Structure formats: C-alpha cells, structure tokens
Amino acid sequence: MRRSSSLPLQPPTYGNLITILSIDGGGIRGLIPGTILAFLESELQTLVAMGEVTKEIMGGSSDFFAIKPMDYRRFLVISLGTGAPKYQEKYSADEAAKWGVLGWLAGGGGTPLVDVFMQSSSDMVDFHLSAVFRALHIEENYLRIQDDTLSGEVSSVDVATRKNLDDLVKVGESLLQKPVCHVNLDTGKCEARGQETSAEAIRRFAKILSHERRLRLARSPHGRAALSK
C-alpha cells in the first residue's frame, strides 16, 4: 500500500521560528507536597506550553506570525527538566494482581498508582514530541535536557539545604557535559546518539536564536537602524 502525506516536508524558514522554552514545575518547587509537585513537574509542561502557543496563533495574536497552528516545523522547543529519580522496577505483575484499592494507593513500599501515572505521562509526552519532530525531519528543533538517574536527597523535591542545593548545581554542570539523549522510538528508552553534549546543543540553539533575531530586526525599519549602529 502506497503511503501518502498532505504535509510537505521542508525545512523551517528562518525569521519565522516560534521559540518555546519549557521548564518543568514553573518555579514552584517546595511550595506544595512533593507527590503532587512531582506530577505537575512532569513533561506535560511542554505540551501545555505548545498548546498555549497554538491557541494564541488560532486567536490571531499579533505576537505570532501567520502560520498554521499545527505547523510544528516553525517551532523551536527547549524543554528543561528539573531532575527525576533513577528508574526502578518496583512492582511486578503478579504482585499488582493481588492488590485492592488500598494496595494501589499504598502498596509494595510505595504509591503504585501515583508512580505509574507520573512515569507514563512524562514518558508519553517526550515520546510524542520526539516522534512528531522526527517525522517532520526537524528533530534538531526539539531539545530535551533531563537527568533521570538521581538518587538520595538530590532526587527529593523538598530538601532545600545548602548542601543539597550545591549538589544540584554539580548535577547540572555534569549534565551539560553529557551527550544529548533522544528517545528510541522502538524501545521508548532515552539513549545518547552522536557526540553533541547538552552544552553544545544549547550553544547551537543560542546561535539559531541570534540569527533569528537579526533576521527579524532586518525586516523592520527600527531594527535595521539598530543593526547599522
């Protein structure tokens, strides 16, 4: 069966990119219980941000170019995670089959229902965005930076001691030197592909944004005057 697509595959036009910066949690760490905060800090934040931009475009906002609302080829997405505990296989199917309502709420030494809900929502958003951007041949326009191997106090959402904050800074600095991870669409796991580090990817995005700004300024009378100085 022949496959067809109504979407023309073409590179984005520079000077018309829409930039989306999503930071998990929105800066509300430590203000509400950790279990609830962990869900709010899932990667749903990125889809919410993209949804808000889409609504603005559909509403004819003057802040955005006149493009089709779902034309993700014009989107430049940077999604920054705030860290997550290292994945552990806490439960087995045989064990879960014996749980009742209380078992799902608090069983196996944890909170299975909350754990499953948080893990699946986070993974599905990253998987979805990776698949969409790859299908449109603009995978380089989506950057997700996250450390999901944390353990101990640095994986907590409510330990605000000086030592823990300093340790988190070290985690972030170390993460910048690691290769960028991409979702393997066959396994669903995040894997390093290529040698580009997170720091190099951020610099690449910064150059794109700088180029984008210069093109926009060049198109406006006030911008051309500023560039000529």
Protein backbone atom coordinates (compact mmCIF):
# COMPACT_ATOMS: atom_id res chain seq x y z
CA MET A 1 0.00 0.00 0.00
CA ARG A 2 1.40 3.36 -1.00
CA ARG A 3 1.78 5.89 1.79
CA SER A 4 0.90 9.49 1.21
CA SER A 5 1.19 12.65 3.25
CA SER A 6 -0.53 16.01 2.93
CA LEU A 7 2.31 17.71 4.80
CA PRO A 8 5.12 18.99 2.56
CA LEU A 9 8.46 18.12 4.15
CA GLN A 10 10.53 21.28 4.00
CA PRO A 11 12.96 22.97 6.38
CA PRO A 12 11.65 25.84 8.51
CA THR A 13 12.04 29.37 7.21
CA TYR A 14 14.42 31.30 9.41
CA GLY A 15 13.00 34.59 10.57
CA ASN A 16 9.65 32.93 11.27
CA LEU A 17 10.50 30.49 14.06
CA ILE A 18 8.43 30.38 17.24
CA THR A 19 10.56 29.64 20.30
CA ILE A 20 9.16 27.70 23.25
CA LEU A 21 11.12 27.36 26.48
CA SER A 22 9.56 24.95 28.96
CA ILE A 23 10.95 24.45 32.46
CA ASP A 24 9.31 21.70 34.46
CA GLY A 25 7.41 22.94 37.50
CA GLY A 26 7.31 26.62 36.61
CA GLY A 27 9.42 27.63 39.61
CA ILE A 28 7.09 26.33 42.31
CA ARG A 29 9.44 23.78 43.87
CA GLY A 30 8.92 23.16 47.56
CA LEU A 31 5.68 25.13 47.93
CA ILE A 32 3.32 22.15 47.77
CA PRO A 33 3.62 18.47 48.80
CA GLY A 34 6.27 16.57 46.86
CA THR A 35 3.92 13.91 45.48
CA ILE A 36 1.61 16.47 43.88
CA LEU A 37 4.51 18.63 42.72
CA ALA A 38 6.17 15.69 41.02
CA PHE A 39 3.14 15.25 38.76
CA LEU A 40 2.92 18.97 38.00
CA GLU A 41 6.60 18.90 37.06
CA SER A 42 6.14 16.10 34.53
CA GLU A 43 6.79 16.82 30.88
CA LEU A 44 3.15 17.74 30.44
CA GLN A 45 4.56 21.24 30.95
CA THR A 46 5.98 21.17 27.42
CA LEU A 47 2.71 20.14 25.77
CA VAL A 48 0.87 22.80 27.77
CA ALA A 49 3.31 25.44 26.52
CA MET A 50 2.92 24.31 22.91
CA GLY A 51 -0.84 24.22 23.35
CA GLU A 52 -0.89 27.78 24.63
CA VAL A 53 1.15 28.96 21.65
CA THR A 54 -1.22 27.13 19.29
CA LYS A 55 -4.23 28.82 20.91
CA GLU A 56 -2.60 32.23 20.51
CA ILE A 57 -1.95 31.55 16.83
CA MET A 58 -5.53 30.38 16.26
CA GLY A 59 -6.76 33.52 18.01
CA GLY A 60 -4.81 35.71 15.60
CA SER A 61 -2.38 37.06 18.19
CA SER A 62 -0.11 39.77 16.79
CA ASP A 63 2.78 38.27 18.76
CA PHE A 64 3.00 35.34 16.33
CA PHE A 65 3.45 35.01 12.61
CA ALA A 66 0.51 33.99 10.43
CA ILE A 67 1.21 30.27 10.24
CA LYS A 68 -0.90 27.16 10.52
CA PRO A 69 -1.46 26.39 14.24
CA MET A 70 -0.12 22.83 13.97
CA ASP A 71 2.84 23.66 11.74
CA TYR A 72 5.46 22.35 14.15
CA ARG A 73 8.17 22.94 11.54
CA ARG A 74 8.19 26.53 12.77
CA PHE A 75 8.59 25.52 16.43
CA LEU A 76 11.91 25.59 18.25
CA VAL A 77 11.36 23.78 21.56
CA ILE A 78 13.73 23.70 24.53
CA SER A 79 12.44 21.56 27.40
CA LEU A 80 14.42 21.65 30.65
CA GLY A 81 13.76 19.01 33.29
CA THR A 82 14.33 19.51 37.00
CA GLY A 83 15.65 16.02 37.61
CA ALA A 84 13.95 12.72 38.37
CA PRO A 85 14.74 9.67 40.50
CA LYS A 86 16.52 6.79 38.81
CA TYR A 87 14.01 4.39 37.26
CA GLN A 88 13.44 1.28 39.32
CA GLU A 89 11.22 -1.71 38.64
CA LYS A 90 9.44 -1.61 42.00
CA TYR A 91 6.44 -3.77 41.20
CA SER A 92 5.68 -6.98 39.36
CA ALA A 93 2.52 -8.01 37.51
CA ASP A 94 1.99 -10.94 39.88
CA GLU A 95 2.23 -8.62 42.87
CA ALA A 96 -0.10 -5.99 41.40
CA ALA A 97 -2.72 -8.61 40.52
CA LYS A 98 -3.32 -9.16 44.24
CA TRP A 99 -3.80 -5.50 45.13
CA GLY A 100 -7.11 -3.96 46.05
CA VAL A 101 -7.87 -0.24 46.15
CA LEU A 102 -5.61 0.36 49.14
CA GLY A 103 -2.84 -1.69 47.57
CA TRP A 104 -2.78 0.56 44.51
CA LEU A 105 -2.71 3.65 46.71
CA ALA A 106 -0.02 2.39 49.07
CA GLY A 107 1.50 -0.96 48.25
CA GLY A 108 4.89 -2.52 47.72
CA GLY A 109 6.56 0.11 49.86
CA GLY A 110 5.43 2.98 47.63
CA THR A 111 2.47 4.63 45.91
CA PRO A 112 1.92 2.50 42.79
CA LEU A 113 -0.98 4.43 41.26
CA VAL A 114 0.80 7.78 41.57
CA ASP A 115 4.10 6.28 40.35
CA VAL A 116 2.53 4.74 37.25
CA PHE A 117 0.57 7.90 36.43
CA MET A 118 3.59 10.19 36.74
CA GLN A 119 6.01 7.93 34.87
CA SER A 120 3.66 7.22 31.98
CA SER A 121 2.62 10.86 31.46
CA SER A 122 6.22 12.04 31.40
CA ASP A 123 7.39 9.30 29.03
CA MET A 124 4.45 9.69 26.65
CA VAL A 125 4.97 13.43 26.19
CA ASP A 126 8.67 13.04 25.38
CA PHE A 127 7.90 10.08 23.09
CA HIS A 128 5.13 12.01 21.30
CA LEU A 129 7.22 15.14 20.69
CA SER A 130 10.23 13.11 19.58
CA ALA A 131 8.08 11.17 17.09
CA VAL A 132 6.42 14.32 15.70
CA PHE A 133 9.65 16.27 15.24
CA ARG A 134 11.40 13.26 13.73
CA ALA A 135 8.55 12.60 11.30
CA LEU A 136 8.78 16.21 10.10
CA HIS A 137 12.57 15.87 9.73
CA ILE A 138 13.21 18.65 12.26
CA GLU A 139 14.40 16.54 15.17
CA GLU A 140 17.16 19.09 15.80
CA ASN A 141 14.45 21.66 16.68
CA TYR A 142 13.48 19.76 19.85
CA LEU A 143 15.91 19.70 22.77
CA ARG A 144 15.09 17.88 25.99
CA ILE A 145 17.60 18.11 28.84
CA GLN A 146 16.83 15.95 31.85
CA ASP A 147 18.68 13.82 34.39
CA ASP A 148 16.51 10.85 35.32
CA THR A 149 19.20 8.99 37.26
CA LEU A 150 19.06 10.93 40.53
CA SER A 151 19.12 9.19 43.89
CA GLY A 152 19.21 10.21 47.53
CA GLU A 153 18.49 13.79 48.61
CA VAL A 154 19.13 15.31 45.18
CA SER A 155 16.09 13.43 43.87
CA SER A 156 13.84 14.98 46.52
CA VAL A 157 11.62 17.96 45.73
CA ASP A 158 11.60 19.46 49.23
CA VAL A 159 15.17 19.32 50.61
CA ALA A 160 16.39 22.92 50.46
CA THR A 161 19.60 22.62 52.49
CA ARG A 162 22.71 24.45 51.28
CA LYS A 163 24.49 21.13 50.71
CA ASN A 164 21.66 19.74 48.59
CA LEU A 165 21.43 22.92 46.53
CA ASP A 166 25.18 22.81 45.91
CA ASP A 167 24.91 19.14 44.94
CA LEU A 168 22.13 20.00 42.46
CA VAL A 169 24.38 22.62 40.87
CA LYS A 170 27.06 19.94 40.43
CA VAL A 171 24.48 17.60 38.88
CA GLY A 172 23.50 20.30 36.40
CA GLU A 173 27.10 21.12 35.49
CA SER A 174 27.83 17.43 34.96
CA LEU A 175 24.69 17.01 32.83
CA LEU A 176 25.83 19.77 30.48
CA GLN A 177 28.91 17.74 29.58
CA LYS A 178 26.96 14.57 28.76
CA PRO A 179 25.70 13.71 25.25
CA VAL A 180 22.16 14.80 24.41
CA CYS A 181 19.67 11.96 24.82
CA HIS A 182 16.98 11.10 22.28
CA VAL A 183 14.03 8.76 22.65
CA ASN A 184 14.42 5.43 20.87
CA LEU A 185 11.01 5.08 19.21
CA ASP A 186 11.34 1.29 19.16
CA THR A 187 12.14 0.80 22.85
CA GLY A 188 10.83 4.05 24.35
CA LYS A 189 14.11 4.50 26.21
CA CYS A 190 16.28 7.61 26.18
CA GLU A 191 19.63 6.98 24.52
CA ALA A 192 22.63 9.09 23.60
CA ARG A 193 23.03 9.50 19.85
CA GLY A 194 26.07 11.21 18.44
CA GLN A 195 28.67 13.21 20.33
CA GLU A 196 26.84 16.53 20.83
CA THR A 197 26.69 17.44 24.52
CA SER A 198 23.88 19.37 26.18
CA ALA A 199 26.17 22.40 26.47
CA GLU A 200 26.93 22.25 22.74
CA ALA A 201 23.24 21.85 21.92
CA ILE A 202 22.37 24.93 23.99
CA ARG A 203 25.05 26.92 22.17
CA ARG A 204 23.63 25.70 18.85
CA PHE A 205 20.15 26.86 19.86
CA ALA A 206 21.58 30.20 21.02
CA LYS A 207 23.13 30.74 17.57
CA ILE A 208 19.80 29.92 15.91
CA LEU A 209 18.01 32.42 18.16
CA SER A 210 20.66 35.08 17.48
CA HIS A 211 20.32 34.51 13.73
CA GLU A 212 16.54 34.59 14.06
CA ARG A 213 16.64 37.91 15.91
CA ARG A 214 18.93 39.53 13.33
CA LEU A 215 16.62 38.47 10.50
CA ARG A 216 13.59 39.89 12.28
CA LEU A 217 15.38 43.15 13.02
CA ALA A 218 16.50 43.39 9.40
CA ARG A 219 12.87 43.25 8.30
CA SER A 220 11.74 46.22 10.37
CA PRO A 221 12.77 49.89 9.90
CA HIS A 222 13.65 50.28 13.58
CA GLY A 223 15.57 47.01 13.53
CA ARG A 224 17.65 48.00 10.51
CA ALA A 225 18.57 51.24 12.24
CA ALA A 226 19.67 49.33 15.36
CA LEU A 227 21.77 46.89 13.33
CA SER A 228 23.53 49.70 11.47
CA LYS A 229 24.86 51.24 14.68
